[in-house]
Structures are given as C-alpha cells and as structure tokens.
Protein backbone atom coordinates (compact mmCIF):
# COMPACT_ATOMS: atom_id res chain seq x y z
CA UNK A 1 0.05 -0.06 -0.13
CA UNK A 2 1.43 3.51 -0.78
CA UNK A 3 0.05 6.64 0.64
CA UNK A 4 0.94 10.39 0.49
CA UNK A 5 0.07 12.56 3.43
CA UNK A 6 -2.10 15.83 2.99
CA UNK A 7 -0.18 18.93 2.17
CA UNK A 8 0.56 21.16 4.89
CA UNK A 9 2.43 24.42 5.09
CA UNK A 10 5.99 23.78 6.50
CA UNK A 11 7.61 26.60 8.67
CA UNK A 12 10.66 28.61 8.35
CA UNK A 13 13.88 27.67 8.59
CA UNK A 14 13.68 25.53 5.40
CA UNK A 15 13.16 21.81 6.54
CA UNK A 16 15.84 19.29 5.60
CA UNK A 17 14.27 16.55 3.30
CA UNK A 18 15.01 12.97 2.55
CA UNK A 19 13.46 11.40 -0.59
CA UNK A 20 13.73 7.82 -1.95
CA UNK A 21 14.51 8.44 -5.70
CA UNK A 22 13.61 4.93 -7.21
CA UNK A 23 14.48 3.62 -10.31
CA UNK A 24 15.70 6.02 -13.26
CA UNK A 25 12.56 5.18 -14.98
CA UNK A 26 10.64 6.94 -12.18
CA UNK A 27 10.59 10.31 -14.03
CA UNK A 28 8.52 8.70 -17.10
CA UNK A 29 6.53 6.09 -14.96
CA UNK A 30 2.88 6.61 -13.98
CA UNK A 31 3.63 5.69 -10.28
CA UNK A 32 2.67 6.99 -6.68
CA UNK A 33 6.34 8.14 -6.30
CA UNK A 34 6.55 10.10 -9.22
CA UNK A 35 3.37 11.80 -8.54
CA UNK A 36 4.38 12.47 -4.91
CA UNK A 37 7.72 14.02 -6.00
CA UNK A 38 5.87 16.23 -8.58
CA UNK A 39 3.98 17.66 -6.12
CA UNK A 40 6.69 18.19 -3.42
CA UNK A 41 8.13 21.24 -4.75
CA UNK A 42 4.80 23.16 -4.39
CA UNK A 43 4.40 21.77 -0.90
CA UNK A 44 7.77 22.79 0.30
CA UNK A 45 7.93 26.11 -1.53
CA UNK A 46 10.87 27.48 -3.30
CA UNK A 47 14.17 27.23 -1.73
CA UNK A 48 16.96 29.77 -2.17
CA UNK A 49 19.40 26.93 -3.33
CA UNK A 50 19.44 23.21 -2.92
CA UNK A 51 22.37 20.93 -1.80
CA UNK A 52 21.38 17.57 -3.26
CA UNK A 53 23.06 14.74 -1.32
CA UNK A 54 23.03 11.91 -3.72
CA UNK A 55 23.73 8.13 -3.18
CA UNK A 56 25.26 8.05 -6.61
CA UNK A 57 28.25 10.38 -6.02
CA UNK A 58 30.49 8.32 -3.47
CA UNK A 59 33.87 9.63 -2.30
CA UNK A 60 36.47 8.66 0.46
CA UNK A 61 36.00 12.29 2.07
CA UNK A 62 33.16 14.68 1.60
CA UNK A 63 33.21 16.74 -1.70
CA UNK A 64 30.75 19.39 -2.87
CA UNK A 65 30.33 20.27 -6.62
CA UNK A 66 31.33 23.82 -7.49
CA UNK A 67 30.34 23.86 -11.23
CA UNK A 68 28.69 27.07 -12.37
CA UNK A 69 26.78 25.09 -15.11
CA UNK A 70 26.52 21.48 -13.87
CA UNK A 71 26.26 18.86 -16.51
CA UNK A 72 23.23 16.13 -16.44
CA UNK A 73 24.83 12.77 -15.81
CA UNK A 74 23.15 9.66 -17.29
CA UNK A 75 24.83 7.29 -14.83
CA UNK A 76 22.66 4.10 -15.67
CA UNK A 77 22.78 1.75 -18.69
CA UNK A 78 19.86 -0.18 -20.60
CA UNK A 79 16.94 2.14 -19.88
CA UNK A 80 14.41 3.67 -22.40
CA UNK A 81 16.04 6.08 -24.93
CA UNK A 82 14.01 8.94 -23.78
CA UNK A 83 15.84 9.00 -20.43
CA UNK A 84 19.15 9.66 -22.00
CA UNK A 85 17.97 12.81 -23.91
CA UNK A 86 16.76 14.47 -20.65
CA UNK A 87 18.54 17.49 -19.40
CA UNK A 88 18.13 19.25 -16.12
CA UNK A 89 20.03 22.82 -16.82
CA UNK A 90 19.65 24.22 -13.29
CA UNK A 91 22.63 26.64 -12.61
CA UNK A 92 25.34 25.53 -10.08
CA UNK A 93 25.92 27.37 -6.82
CA UNK A 94 29.82 27.98 -6.56
CA UNK A 95 29.40 30.51 -3.82
CA UNK A 96 27.37 27.98 -1.67
CA UNK A 97 29.77 25.47 -2.60
CA UNK A 98 32.42 27.65 -0.98
CA UNK A 99 30.14 27.84 2.25
CA UNK A 100 29.79 24.20 2.59
CA UNK A 101 33.68 23.81 2.35
CA UNK A 102 33.86 26.24 5.06
CA UNK A 103 31.30 24.50 7.39
CA UNK A 104 32.30 20.98 6.62
CA UNK A 105 35.73 20.71 5.38
CA UNK A 106 34.38 19.20 2.08
CA UNK A 107 36.57 19.54 -1.03
CA UNK A 108 35.09 21.68 -3.86
CA UNK A 109 34.85 19.69 -7.26
CA UNK A 110 34.87 22.34 -10.10
CA UNK A 111 33.36 19.91 -12.40
CA UNK A 112 30.91 17.47 -10.85
CA UNK A 113 27.80 17.53 -12.62
CA UNK A 114 24.23 16.34 -11.32
CA UNK A 115 23.73 12.42 -11.47
CA UNK A 116 20.32 10.99 -11.55
CA UNK A 117 20.02 10.70 -7.91
CA UNK A 118 19.93 14.59 -7.85
CA UNK A 119 18.30 15.39 -11.17
CA UNK A 120 15.56 12.97 -11.31
CA UNK A 121 13.71 14.03 -8.18
CA UNK A 122 14.71 17.84 -8.89
CA UNK A 123 13.15 17.74 -12.24
CA UNK A 124 9.68 16.48 -10.86
CA UNK A 125 10.17 19.02 -7.78
CA UNK A 126 11.43 21.97 -9.56
CA UNK A 127 10.94 21.38 -13.32
CA UNK A 128 11.83 25.23 -14.27
CA UNK A 129 15.55 24.34 -13.38
CA UNK A 130 16.03 27.91 -12.11
CA UNK A 131 17.19 27.28 -8.61
CA UNK A 132 20.74 26.97 -7.99
CA UNK A 133 21.96 23.31 -7.07
CA UNK A 134 25.17 21.88 -5.56
CA UNK A 135 25.62 18.26 -5.14
CA UNK A 136 27.18 16.86 -2.02
CA UNK A 137 28.79 13.16 -1.98
CA UNK A 138 28.45 10.23 0.58
CA UNK A 139 31.06 8.31 1.74
CA UNK A 140 30.16 4.42 2.22
CA UNK A 141 33.59 4.04 4.10
CA UNK A 142 32.22 6.31 6.80
CA UNK A 143 29.44 5.62 9.31
CA UNK A 144 25.99 6.92 9.80
CA UNK A 145 26.92 8.93 12.64
CA UNK A 146 29.68 10.74 10.55
CA UNK A 147 26.81 11.56 8.29
CA UNK A 148 24.63 12.81 10.99
CA UNK A 149 27.44 15.04 11.83
CA UNK A 150 27.89 16.07 8.38
CA UNK A 151 24.32 17.30 8.21
CA UNK A 152 24.44 18.99 11.52
CA UNK A 153 27.53 21.14 10.10
CA UNK A 154 25.19 22.18 7.31
CA UNK A 155 22.21 23.11 9.43
CA UNK A 156 22.65 26.89 9.68
CA UNK A 157 22.26 27.02 5.79
CA UNK A 158 18.79 26.18 6.30
CA UNK A 159 17.97 29.56 8.07
CA UNK A 160 18.92 31.13 4.65
CA UNK A 161 16.18 29.02 2.84
CA UNK A 162 18.65 26.45 1.41
CA UNK A 163 16.92 23.21 1.04
CA UNK A 164 19.08 20.22 2.01
CA UNK A 165 17.79 17.23 0.09
CA UNK A 166 19.03 13.88 0.64
CA UNK A 167 18.21 11.45 -2.20
CA UNK A 168 18.61 7.76 -1.84
CA UNK A 169 16.19 4.83 -0.81
CA UNK A 170 14.78 4.03 2.39
CA UNK A 171 15.03 0.23 1.13
CA UNK A 172 17.11 -0.36 -1.55
CA UNK A 173 17.79 -4.10 -2.59
CA UNK A 174 18.29 -4.53 -6.56
CA UNK A 175 18.93 -8.24 -6.01
CA UNK A 176 15.11 -8.62 -5.13
CA UNK A 177 13.86 -6.11 -7.65
CA UNK A 178 10.47 -7.20 -9.12
CA UNK A 179 9.61 -4.78 -12.15
CA UNK A 180 6.13 -3.09 -11.51
CA UNK A 181 5.50 -5.12 -8.22
CA UNK A 182 3.72 -2.64 -5.76
CA UNK A 183 3.90 -5.26 -2.70
CA UNK A 184 6.97 -5.52 -0.70
CA UNK A 185 8.29 -8.81 1.16
CA UNK A 186 8.22 -9.09 4.83
CA UNK A 187 11.81 -8.08 5.47
CA UNK A 188 11.58 -4.98 3.57
CA UNK A 189 8.22 -3.82 5.24
CA UNK A 190 10.04 -4.85 8.68
CA UNK A 191 12.93 -2.47 8.06
CA UNK A 192 10.68 0.47 6.91
CA UNK A 193 8.55 0.14 10.06
CA UNK A 194 11.78 -0.13 12.11
CA UNK A 195 13.13 3.13 10.24
CA UNK A 196 10.00 4.99 10.34
CA UNK A 197 9.88 4.49 14.36
CA UNK A 198 13.25 5.73 14.67
CA UNK A 199 12.68 8.66 12.44
CA UNK A 200 9.47 9.61 13.98
CA UNK A 201 10.87 9.26 17.49
CA UNK A 202 13.88 11.62 16.51
CA UNK A 203 16.10 9.07 17.72
CA UNK A 204 19.53 10.04 16.56
CA UNK A 205 21.43 7.15 18.43
CA UNK A 206 19.17 4.32 16.99
CA UNK A 207 19.71 5.77 13.44
CA UNK A 208 23.60 5.95 13.90
CA UNK A 209 23.42 2.41 15.04
CA UNK A 210 21.01 1.06 12.23
CA UNK A 211 23.39 -1.62 10.98
CA UNK A 212 23.39 -3.76 14.30
CA UNK A 213 20.13 -2.60 15.77
CA UNK A 214 17.69 -3.57 12.86
CA UNK A 215 17.89 -7.56 12.00
CA UNK A 216 16.79 -6.66 8.60
CA UNK A 217 19.39 -3.71 7.82
CA UNK A 218 21.57 -5.90 5.66
CA UNK A 219 18.74 -7.31 3.47
CA UNK A 220 17.23 -3.83 3.20
CA UNK A 221 20.72 -2.09 2.05
CA UNK A 222 23.09 -4.79 0.82
CA UNK A 223 25.44 -1.63 0.26
CA UNK A 224 25.36 1.56 2.30
CA UNK A 225 25.15 4.10 -0.25
CA UNK A 226 21.34 4.59 -0.91
CA UNK A 227 21.01 4.77 3.11
CA UNK A 228 23.46 7.56 3.78
CA UNK A 229 21.82 10.65 2.38
CA UNK A 230 19.05 10.02 5.03
CA UNK A 231 21.24 10.59 8.03
CA UNK A 232 22.84 13.83 6.15
CA UNK A 233 19.16 15.25 6.08
CA UNK A 234 18.32 14.19 9.44
CA UNK A 235 21.52 15.65 10.96
CA UNK A 236 20.86 18.93 9.12
CA UNK A 237 17.55 19.37 11.34
CA UNK A 238 19.77 20.44 14.01
CA UNK A 239 18.68 19.79 17.57
CA UNK A 240 15.24 18.42 18.93
CA UNK A 241 14.39 16.89 15.65
CA UNK A 242 10.80 16.70 14.57
CA UNK A 243 10.06 14.26 11.67
CA UNK A 244 7.05 14.75 9.01
CA UNK A 245 6.23 11.57 7.31
CA UNK A 246 5.71 12.88 3.55
CA UNK A 247 5.39 9.58 1.55
CA UNK A 248 5.17 5.64 2.07
CA UNK A 249 5.15 2.72 -0.27
CA UNK A 250 7.19 0.29 -2.17
CA UNK A 251 7.80 0.14 -5.88
CA UNK A 252 9.27 -2.81 -7.89
CA UNK A 253 9.16 -4.96 -4.78
CA UNK A 254 12.30 -3.88 -3.00
CA UNK A 255 12.73 -0.14 -3.54
CA UNK A 256 11.12 1.53 -0.39
CA UNK A 257 9.91 5.12 -1.52
CA UNK A 258 9.70 6.78 2.02
CA UNK A 259 10.03 10.29 2.27
CA UNK A 260 10.51 12.50 5.14
CA UNK A 261 10.88 16.15 6.14
CA UNK A 262 12.88 17.22 9.23
CA UNK A 263 12.36 20.25 11.35
CA UNK A 264 14.58 21.54 14.17
CA UNK A 265 16.27 24.29 15.87
CA UNK A 266 19.50 25.61 14.46
C-alpha cells in the first residue's frame, strides 16, 4: 500500500528533506512515487538553493560540486532512450559550495555534474530548473554517525532558505527487484517500519546504530550508499528533530519510497 500525507504548510527555517528516488525510470512512470515528487516542490515552496546529497556520488571524504553550470549525468545503462535525452539545466552554486567547504571541510569539485539521484527528483520537484544546485557526496566507508555530523554542520544554511535534500532509498535491494511489483517482502516492510519508528521518534542514536540494531538492515541495504543521504538530511535538522512523514510505499518490490521532512532548531 502506498500513501501520501495531505499537504500542510512547512515553517521557516526550511526543513531538510529525504526522498527515495527509485529507479531511473521513475521520471517517465505513472507511479505513486512519481506523483508524490511532482507535487513536493509546491508543498515545500521555493528554496534559495538546493544541496542535493545523492547516493550516486560516493567519495572517500566529503566533496561538494562547484560547477557554475553542472552537467546532467546519465549514470545508468539499458534504460529507455528517452531518459538519455533529458537535461536538467539548473545553475550551479559555486558560492554555496565554498560555504559548504567552510562549514564541513568538504573538497570543492569544480566539474562534478548532477547524477540521476539529484536531477530525477529535482526535475519532478522544480521542473523550471531555475534554482541553484550543488551536489554533495556520501562516503560508504564512513558511518551513519559521521553523516549525521555532516548534516549538522550544514544546518545553519537552512536559515537562509537552503533545501538540504537527501536522495537515496529507504529500502534499496536490487537483488530482489521485481519490475512493477507494488507489494514488498516481509523483511522490507519490517525494515521500513523500524526506520519509521526511529525517525518519528527523532532517535539519532538508533539511526547511527542502524546496521546492528535492525535485523533486516543487511537485506534492506546490501550496500550503504542509498541509506547514507538520510542521516545527512536528519542531521541537518539540528537539535530536537521533529520528523514529518511525507510519503510511504514500495515500488518494484524492493525499493522503499518513503520520504521525510525534518524540522529542528538551528
């Protein structure tokens, strides 16, 4: 079952947000996840800029894109030709990248473009492509606690209307991918329920310990990269996190499409 919560006005400072971006075909599918993302920009309002934390840019240490005109990266293979003609021509945010470097120590990459973890949800959320975007990497060799700390370092930017957008997957197991299947296996539902409880409780310690605290963690995430944008978005809420569930459900059997907004003092 898939549900989208009714729209409500979200207060200032801008919340940090985690979305599950699904398969690359999400942008051309008639699916609940696509419809949710297509309405999310209107729900959130217009940010001054976006820091997109994508599962598909992995580095040993944090890096932030400083390109003035970031390319649209088609980092997938064997999909419909229409996907490869799409371009998301949003301006970059070099000055914001320098701010991120000062706050976090992240290296500025002057040439990194927007991979599909960034441009697919952004094309649905803000199709005009007129909001500056910088992309931030994740580090599969680091812990969830490290990524929470990375997010907390970014939290002051929310007071300036910057949207810190984590883009990954609440559940992401391609080994159990079943095209078109909306029902999830029991292990996937169990992990999603556990994660929902942790996030709605604002429980940073359990989020940091996810790999050992939830028995289904390894099945839900055989590799870490699609999980790690979530603790960045959670950390960016700052202290006393209040979580708003935005969307739930599964697509293709093993892709959890859960999405959350995080509010907190900065």
